[in-house]
């Protein structure tokens, strides 16, 4: 991802907790001196509204309007223009826009983390992560993880640490959002969108965030056991690259990854597999998250979210993944048909190979479908 303008690492919910960063996280972060979550939140730029006016070129007058307001960073207005490090103006929305400042959203999370325990420890004592700022602090994204809330996989492999990813902006592009998140400590890959994304728009009465956070944390605890089961099952479904009409880079390309990400994903999937020619769906998913975490060149937002959905389908919906690969391959095969409109023998053989592989996956995919539905049912029960 594009480097943020500012990155702050935190450990512990506030100054009353003594929390150290996990060793694996210290090894991958550039900030050796974290602050508390509460302090990091209160360092973020705030927003306020101020009246705006438009220029009447006929009278050379400025006319104020109450239909719009300027969303600004108030402390920057106190600095002369030639001294300001950042532009104080974020946005000029309509009067229906409701400002949601960082403490409005995340101060309730601080309270919930103190009140919520896991393995007899308050989550506030084991919380850590980072906050990233873009566009002068008007766009913010963060990862909040919990040391010890983890998926333990068989063998000596490092655990997968669970958490949340959240963010907002003052430009009208991002509502306040949060969703389940995990970090694979084995390779520092980020696994995003583990729960349904919850959002609060900057419109009207935004309500109380405390209950919002409580529900989200309950969802996250449900995901821990299910994620473990998904991974174990995904390791049982393999794709024999020697029996399909494409190589590993093309597999990711057929799913919709751009060439530079497809290449990186394939390299990691091979490296993580015992057999570089017969690769299971967990390794294929890991390759995708590796490429997105370490090499995605775009911004956090819509484009990244789309690739995350592709990656997650490899793990949570392998049948749909193979359907996508097959459909894209068929489309490309049609583009190279003969002048008589007949698909060449090579393409016909390739499609038959794909159908056999897809059929093998479908026989095992029902476990994923039933587990995913059970998980969604439990999520809905929490919200109702």
Protein backbone atom coordinates (compact mmCIF):
# COMPACT_ATOMS: atom_id res chain seq x y z
CA UNK A 1 0.00 0.00 0.00
CA UNK A 2 1.00 3.60 -0.40
CA UNK A 3 3.00 4.77 2.58
CA UNK A 4 0.99 6.84 5.05
CA UNK A 5 1.97 10.40 5.80
CA UNK A 6 2.13 9.45 9.46
CA UNK A 7 2.11 6.11 11.26
CA UNK A 8 1.72 5.73 15.03
CA UNK A 9 2.26 2.41 16.81
CA UNK A 10 0.41 1.82 20.08
CA UNK A 11 0.41 -0.76 22.87
CA UNK A 12 -2.14 -0.90 25.68
CA UNK A 13 -5.41 0.97 25.80
CA UNK A 14 -4.23 3.83 28.03
CA UNK A 15 -1.48 4.97 30.36
CA UNK A 16 -2.75 2.79 33.21
CA UNK A 17 -1.78 -0.39 31.37
CA UNK A 18 1.76 -1.66 30.91
CA UNK A 19 1.73 -3.42 27.57
CA UNK A 20 4.70 -4.46 25.48
CA UNK A 21 4.53 -5.09 21.77
CA UNK A 22 4.74 -8.80 20.91
CA UNK A 23 8.21 -9.79 19.76
CA UNK A 24 7.01 -10.74 16.29
CA UNK A 25 5.41 -7.30 15.86
CA UNK A 26 8.49 -5.49 17.12
CA UNK A 27 10.45 -7.27 14.41
CA UNK A 28 8.25 -5.88 11.61
CA UNK A 29 7.52 -2.38 12.89
CA UNK A 30 9.74 0.65 12.49
CA UNK A 31 8.55 2.36 15.68
CA UNK A 32 10.31 1.05 18.81
CA UNK A 33 8.55 3.48 21.18
CA UNK A 34 4.76 2.95 21.10
CA UNK A 35 2.21 5.17 22.82
CA UNK A 36 -1.10 4.05 24.32
CA UNK A 37 -4.18 3.68 22.13
CA UNK A 38 -5.91 6.54 23.97
CA UNK A 39 -2.95 8.85 23.38
CA UNK A 40 -2.70 7.88 19.71
CA UNK A 41 -6.41 8.62 19.18
CA UNK A 42 -6.13 12.02 20.83
CA UNK A 43 -3.20 12.93 18.59
CA UNK A 44 -5.37 12.58 15.48
CA UNK A 45 -6.62 15.73 13.75
CA UNK A 46 -10.14 16.77 14.69
CA UNK A 47 -12.76 18.45 12.55
CA UNK A 48 -15.18 21.31 13.04
CA UNK A 49 -17.52 23.23 10.77
CA UNK A 50 -17.32 26.86 9.80
CA UNK A 51 -19.57 28.94 7.49
CA UNK A 52 -18.74 29.24 3.81
CA UNK A 53 -19.52 31.89 1.23
CA UNK A 54 -19.52 32.15 -2.54
CA UNK A 55 -18.23 35.02 -4.62
CA UNK A 56 -20.69 37.09 -6.65
CA UNK A 57 -18.60 38.31 -9.61
CA UNK A 58 -21.15 40.99 -10.51
CA UNK A 59 -21.07 42.76 -7.15
CA UNK A 60 -17.62 41.53 -6.08
CA UNK A 61 -19.20 40.47 -2.78
CA UNK A 62 -18.95 37.24 -0.80
CA UNK A 63 -22.34 35.81 0.10
CA UNK A 64 -22.65 33.40 3.02
CA UNK A 65 -24.81 30.29 2.58
CA UNK A 66 -26.23 27.91 5.17
CA UNK A 67 -26.65 25.11 2.62
CA UNK A 68 -22.98 24.14 2.97
CA UNK A 69 -20.36 24.23 5.69
CA UNK A 70 -16.61 23.92 5.53
CA UNK A 71 -15.16 20.96 7.46
CA UNK A 72 -11.84 22.17 8.85
CA UNK A 73 -9.14 21.23 11.35
CA UNK A 74 -9.70 23.95 13.99
CA UNK A 75 -6.16 24.19 15.37
CA UNK A 76 -4.77 24.79 11.88
CA UNK A 77 -6.99 27.86 11.50
CA UNK A 78 -4.98 29.48 14.28
CA UNK A 79 -1.82 29.32 12.16
CA UNK A 80 -1.07 31.80 9.40
CA UNK A 81 -1.30 30.35 5.89
CA UNK A 82 2.42 30.71 5.26
CA UNK A 83 3.20 28.85 8.50
CA UNK A 84 0.65 26.03 8.24
CA UNK A 85 2.14 22.59 7.69
CA UNK A 86 -1.18 21.23 6.39
CA UNK A 87 -4.24 22.71 4.73
CA UNK A 88 -6.96 23.21 7.39
CA UNK A 89 -9.77 22.56 4.87
CA UNK A 90 -10.95 18.96 4.53
CA UNK A 91 -14.26 19.21 2.70
CA UNK A 92 -17.27 21.42 1.89
CA UNK A 93 -20.29 19.11 2.28
CA UNK A 94 -23.98 19.93 2.50
CA UNK A 95 -25.57 20.87 5.80
CA UNK A 96 -26.70 17.24 6.31
CA UNK A 97 -23.10 16.18 6.98
CA UNK A 98 -22.45 15.18 10.61
CA UNK A 99 -18.89 15.37 11.88
CA UNK A 100 -17.68 12.27 13.71
CA UNK A 101 -14.42 12.98 15.49
CA UNK A 102 -11.93 10.29 16.57
CA UNK A 103 -12.88 10.37 20.25
CA UNK A 104 -16.58 10.06 19.35
CA UNK A 105 -15.83 6.66 17.81
CA UNK A 106 -12.84 5.30 19.67
CA UNK A 107 -13.22 6.58 23.25
CA UNK A 108 -16.18 4.16 23.65
CA UNK A 109 -13.90 1.41 22.31
CA UNK A 110 -11.42 2.18 25.09
CA UNK A 111 -14.15 1.56 27.68
CA UNK A 112 -15.31 -1.64 25.98
CA UNK A 113 -11.76 -3.01 25.81
CA UNK A 114 -11.31 -2.40 29.53
CA UNK A 115 -14.60 -4.17 30.31
CA UNK A 116 -14.12 -7.12 27.93
CA UNK A 117 -11.91 -10.02 28.97
CA UNK A 118 -10.33 -12.86 27.07
CA UNK A 119 -8.53 -15.65 28.89
CA UNK A 120 -9.13 -13.70 32.13
CA UNK A 121 -7.30 -10.59 30.89
CA UNK A 122 -8.94 -7.31 29.82
CA UNK A 123 -8.50 -6.76 26.09
CA UNK A 124 -7.22 -3.30 26.93
CA UNK A 125 -4.10 -4.88 28.43
CA UNK A 126 -3.29 -6.89 25.31
CA UNK A 127 -4.30 -4.41 22.60
CA UNK A 128 -1.65 -3.19 20.16
CA UNK A 129 -1.39 -2.07 16.55
CA UNK A 130 -0.95 1.00 14.40
CA UNK A 131 -2.83 4.06 13.14
CA UNK A 132 -2.14 5.42 9.64
CA UNK A 133 -2.91 8.96 8.46
CA UNK A 134 -3.34 10.17 4.88
CA UNK A 135 -4.31 13.49 3.27
CA UNK A 136 -3.26 15.68 6.15
CA UNK A 137 -4.92 13.43 8.71
CA UNK A 138 -8.30 13.73 7.04
CA UNK A 139 -8.24 10.03 6.18
CA UNK A 140 -7.36 7.49 8.88
CA UNK A 141 -7.07 3.70 8.95
CA UNK A 142 -5.99 1.52 11.86
CA UNK A 143 -5.35 -2.08 12.86
CA UNK A 144 -6.15 -3.03 16.46
CA UNK A 145 -4.93 -6.49 17.47
CA UNK A 146 -5.09 -8.49 20.68
CA UNK A 147 -2.07 -10.46 21.83
CA UNK A 148 -3.26 -13.93 22.81
CA UNK A 149 -6.56 -13.81 20.92
CA UNK A 150 -5.27 -16.08 18.21
CA UNK A 151 -5.83 -19.04 15.94
CA UNK A 152 -3.38 -21.81 16.80
CA UNK A 153 -2.54 -24.05 13.86
CA UNK A 154 -1.04 -27.56 14.05
CA UNK A 155 2.71 -27.98 14.27
CA UNK A 156 5.21 -25.33 15.25
CA UNK A 157 3.74 -22.63 13.05
CA UNK A 158 3.27 -19.23 14.68
CA UNK A 159 -0.35 -18.31 15.53
CA UNK A 160 -2.65 -15.95 13.64
CA UNK A 161 -3.41 -12.93 15.83
CA UNK A 162 -6.97 -11.60 15.69
CA UNK A 163 -8.12 -8.00 15.76
CA UNK A 164 -10.07 -5.24 14.06
CA UNK A 165 -9.40 -2.82 11.25
CA UNK A 166 -11.22 0.50 11.29
CA UNK A 167 -11.11 3.96 9.78
CA UNK A 168 -12.89 7.05 8.48
CA UNK A 169 -12.31 10.22 6.52
CA UNK A 170 -13.61 13.78 6.45
CA UNK A 171 -13.87 13.95 2.66
CA UNK A 172 -17.09 12.01 2.18
CA UNK A 173 -15.31 8.97 0.77
CA UNK A 174 -15.31 6.68 3.82
CA UNK A 175 -18.02 6.29 6.39
CA UNK A 176 -16.72 5.18 9.78
CA UNK A 177 -16.14 1.46 9.32
CA UNK A 178 -14.90 -1.57 11.20
CA UNK A 179 -14.44 -5.24 10.32
CA UNK A 180 -12.65 -8.30 11.61
CA UNK A 181 -8.95 -8.50 10.89
CA UNK A 182 -6.07 -10.88 11.55
CA UNK A 183 -2.31 -10.86 11.14
CA UNK A 184 -0.53 -14.08 10.26
CA UNK A 185 2.53 -13.79 12.48
CA UNK A 186 4.32 -16.45 10.44
CA UNK A 187 4.71 -14.07 7.50
CA UNK A 188 3.17 -10.76 8.70
CA UNK A 189 0.32 -11.11 6.19
CA UNK A 190 -2.87 -9.15 6.86
CA UNK A 191 -6.15 -11.09 6.56
CA UNK A 192 -8.92 -8.54 6.16
CA UNK A 193 -12.74 -8.56 6.06
CA UNK A 194 -13.13 -11.50 8.45
CA UNK A 195 -16.52 -10.18 9.57
CA UNK A 196 -19.19 -8.22 7.76
CA UNK A 197 -18.14 -4.58 7.52
CA UNK A 198 -20.15 -2.29 9.79
CA UNK A 199 -20.40 1.38 8.87
CA UNK A 200 -21.80 4.60 10.28
CA UNK A 201 -22.34 7.41 7.80
CA UNK A 202 -21.64 11.05 8.55
CA UNK A 203 -25.34 11.90 8.40
CA UNK A 204 -27.84 12.79 11.10
CA UNK A 205 -27.69 11.42 14.63
CA UNK A 206 -24.80 8.95 14.65
CA UNK A 207 -25.85 7.41 17.98
CA UNK A 208 -23.81 5.63 20.63
CA UNK A 209 -20.76 3.64 19.57
CA UNK A 210 -20.39 1.57 22.75
CA UNK A 211 -22.99 -1.04 21.82
CA UNK A 212 -21.59 -1.03 18.28
CA UNK A 213 -18.15 -2.05 19.56
CA UNK A 214 -19.54 -4.65 21.94
CA UNK A 215 -21.31 -6.43 19.08
CA UNK A 216 -18.23 -6.32 16.87
CA UNK A 217 -15.99 -7.84 19.55
CA UNK A 218 -18.52 -10.63 20.12
CA UNK A 219 -18.42 -11.35 16.39
CA UNK A 220 -14.64 -11.45 16.46
CA UNK A 221 -14.57 -14.10 19.19
CA UNK A 222 -16.94 -16.23 17.10
CA UNK A 223 -14.57 -16.01 14.16
CA UNK A 224 -11.59 -17.48 16.03
CA UNK A 225 -12.83 -21.08 16.09
CA UNK A 226 -14.40 -20.86 12.66
CA UNK A 227 -11.24 -19.45 11.06
CA UNK A 228 -9.29 -22.38 12.47
CA UNK A 229 -11.76 -24.84 10.93
CA UNK A 230 -11.75 -23.05 7.56
CA UNK A 231 -7.95 -23.20 7.41
CA UNK A 232 -7.79 -26.90 8.34
CA UNK A 233 -10.36 -27.75 5.66
CA UNK A 234 -8.64 -25.53 3.08
CA UNK A 235 -5.41 -27.43 3.64
CA UNK A 236 -7.28 -30.55 2.53
CA UNK A 237 -8.18 -29.10 -0.88
CA UNK A 238 -5.31 -28.96 -3.34
CA UNK A 239 -4.83 -27.80 -6.89
CA UNK A 240 -2.39 -29.90 -8.90
CA UNK A 241 -0.77 -27.34 -11.16
CA UNK A 242 0.42 -30.11 -13.48
CA UNK A 243 -3.22 -31.06 -14.15
CA UNK A 244 -4.57 -27.61 -15.03
CA UNK A 245 -3.95 -25.60 -18.21
CA UNK A 246 -2.19 -22.70 -16.52
CA UNK A 247 0.69 -22.01 -14.19
CA UNK A 248 0.43 -20.50 -10.73
CA UNK A 249 0.89 -16.91 -11.86
CA UNK A 250 -1.93 -17.39 -14.36
CA UNK A 251 -4.15 -18.77 -11.58
CA UNK A 252 -4.04 -15.42 -9.78
CA UNK A 253 -4.28 -13.57 -13.07
CA UNK A 254 -7.48 -15.46 -13.93
CA UNK A 255 -8.90 -14.44 -10.56
CA UNK A 256 -8.35 -10.78 -11.40
CA UNK A 257 -5.03 -9.91 -9.77
CA UNK A 258 -2.83 -7.53 -11.78
CA UNK A 259 0.38 -9.05 -13.12
CA UNK A 260 2.70 -7.66 -10.44
CA UNK A 261 0.50 -9.02 -7.61
CA UNK A 262 -0.09 -12.35 -9.37
CA UNK A 263 3.65 -12.88 -9.66
CA UNK A 264 4.28 -12.08 -5.98
CA UNK A 265 1.36 -14.24 -4.84
CA UNK A 266 2.60 -17.21 -6.86
CA UNK A 267 6.12 -16.88 -5.47
CA UNK A 268 4.86 -16.96 -1.88
CA UNK A 269 2.38 -19.79 -2.45
CA UNK A 270 5.16 -21.97 -3.88
CA UNK A 271 7.51 -21.08 -1.04
CA UNK A 272 4.89 -21.98 1.58
CA UNK A 273 3.97 -25.34 0.01
CA UNK A 274 5.64 -28.67 0.66
CA UNK A 275 5.00 -29.56 -2.98
CA UNK A 276 5.33 -26.56 -5.33
CA UNK A 277 3.16 -28.31 -7.92
CA UNK A 278 0.30 -29.42 -5.65
CA UNK A 279 -0.77 -26.44 -3.60
CA UNK A 280 -3.61 -26.31 -1.09
CA UNK A 281 -6.16 -23.51 -0.84
CA UNK A 282 -4.70 -22.16 2.41
CA UNK A 283 -1.31 -21.70 0.74
CA UNK A 284 -3.01 -20.09 -2.27
CA UNK A 285 -4.86 -17.73 0.07
CA UNK A 286 -1.64 -17.00 1.95
CA UNK A 287 0.06 -16.11 -1.33
CA UNK A 288 -2.71 -13.66 -2.14
CA UNK A 289 -2.61 -11.96 1.27
CA UNK A 290 1.19 -11.83 1.12
CA UNK A 291 1.05 -9.96 -2.19
CA UNK A 292 -1.62 -7.55 -0.95
CA UNK A 293 0.07 -6.88 2.39
CA UNK A 294 3.59 -6.31 1.13
CA UNK A 295 3.33 -5.24 -2.52
CA UNK A 296 -0.07 -3.64 -3.25
CA UNK A 297 0.79 -0.25 -4.75
CA UNK A 298 -2.60 1.44 -4.42
CA UNK A 299 -4.42 3.19 -1.60
CA UNK A 300 -6.44 1.66 1.19
CA UNK A 301 -10.02 1.70 -0.03
CA UNK A 302 -12.20 0.33 -2.79
CA UNK A 303 -9.50 -1.22 -4.98
CA UNK A 304 -7.84 -3.01 -2.06
CA UNK A 305 -11.23 -4.18 -0.78
CA UNK A 306 -11.94 -5.84 -4.13
CA UNK A 307 -8.69 -7.80 -4.09
CA UNK A 308 -9.29 -8.76 -0.45
CA UNK A 309 -12.62 -10.32 -1.45
CA UNK A 310 -10.84 -12.34 -4.14
CA UNK A 311 -8.25 -13.53 -1.62
CA UNK A 312 -10.84 -14.44 1.00
CA UNK A 313 -12.89 -16.46 -1.48
CA UNK A 314 -9.86 -18.72 -1.97
CA UNK A 315 -10.08 -19.63 1.72
CA UNK A 316 -13.78 -19.31 2.52
CA UNK A 317 -15.36 -20.20 -0.81
CA UNK A 318 -12.99 -22.37 -2.88
CA UNK A 319 -15.79 -23.56 -5.15
CA UNK A 320 -16.56 -19.98 -6.21
CA UNK A 321 -12.84 -19.38 -6.74
CA UNK A 322 -12.56 -22.31 -9.16
CA UNK A 323 -15.75 -21.16 -10.90
CA UNK A 324 -14.21 -17.73 -11.44
CA UNK A 325 -11.00 -19.24 -12.79
CA UNK A 326 -12.94 -21.55 -15.11
CA UNK A 327 -15.25 -18.79 -16.35
CA UNK A 328 -12.37 -16.43 -17.09
CA UNK A 329 -10.43 -19.19 -18.83
CA UNK A 330 -13.47 -20.05 -20.96
CA UNK A 331 -13.87 -16.42 -21.96
CA UNK A 332 -10.25 -16.23 -23.04
CA UNK A 333 -10.54 -19.55 -24.88
CA UNK A 334 -13.47 -18.16 -26.87
CA UNK A 335 -11.32 -15.25 -27.96
CA UNK A 336 -8.92 -17.65 -29.69
CA UNK A 337 -11.50 -19.76 -31.51
CA UNK A 338 -10.94 -20.65 -35.12
CA UNK A 339 -12.46 -18.68 -37.96
CA UNK A 340 -15.20 -21.35 -38.20
CA UNK A 341 -16.15 -20.61 -34.62
CA UNK A 342 -14.79 -23.89 -33.27
CA UNK A 343 -12.76 -23.99 -30.09
CA UNK A 344 -9.39 -25.61 -30.71
CA UNK A 345 -8.60 -29.07 -29.39
CA UNK A 346 -6.07 -27.59 -26.99
CA UNK A 347 -8.69 -25.33 -25.43
CA UNK A 348 -11.24 -28.16 -25.26
CA UNK A 349 -8.76 -30.37 -23.45
CA UNK A 350 -7.89 -27.55 -21.07
CA UNK A 351 -11.54 -26.93 -20.22
CA UNK A 352 -12.02 -30.63 -19.54
CA UNK A 353 -9.05 -30.54 -17.16
CA UNK A 354 -10.54 -27.59 -15.33
CA UNK A 355 -13.91 -29.29 -15.02
CA UNK A 356 -12.31 -32.34 -13.40
CA UNK A 357 -10.46 -30.18 -10.86
CA UNK A 358 -13.59 -28.14 -10.13
CA UNK A 359 -15.60 -31.32 -9.63
CA UNK A 360 -13.11 -32.56 -7.03
CA UNK A 361 -13.34 -29.25 -5.17
CA UNK A 362 -17.15 -29.25 -5.20
CA UNK A 363 -17.22 -32.59 -3.40
CA UNK A 364 -15.50 -30.97 -0.41
CA UNK A 365 -16.88 -27.45 -0.70
CA UNK A 366 -20.19 -28.18 1.05
CA UNK A 367 -18.35 -28.02 4.39
CA UNK A 368 -17.36 -24.42 3.67
CA UNK A 369 -20.85 -23.40 2.60
CA UNK A 370 -22.54 -24.81 5.71
CA UNK A 371 -19.93 -23.35 8.07
CA UNK A 372 -20.12 -19.92 6.44
CA UNK A 373 -23.91 -19.93 6.75
CA UNK A 374 -23.73 -20.95 10.41
CA UNK A 375 -21.29 -18.13 11.07
CA UNK A 376 -23.53 -15.59 9.33
CA UNK A 377 -26.54 -16.85 11.30
CA UNK A 378 -24.66 -16.30 14.56
CA UNK A 379 -23.65 -12.80 13.44
CA UNK A 380 -27.27 -11.94 12.67
CA UNK A 381 -28.39 -13.29 16.04
CA UNK A 382 -25.98 -10.89 17.76
CA UNK A 383 -27.40 -7.90 15.89
CA UNK A 384 -31.09 -8.81 16.31
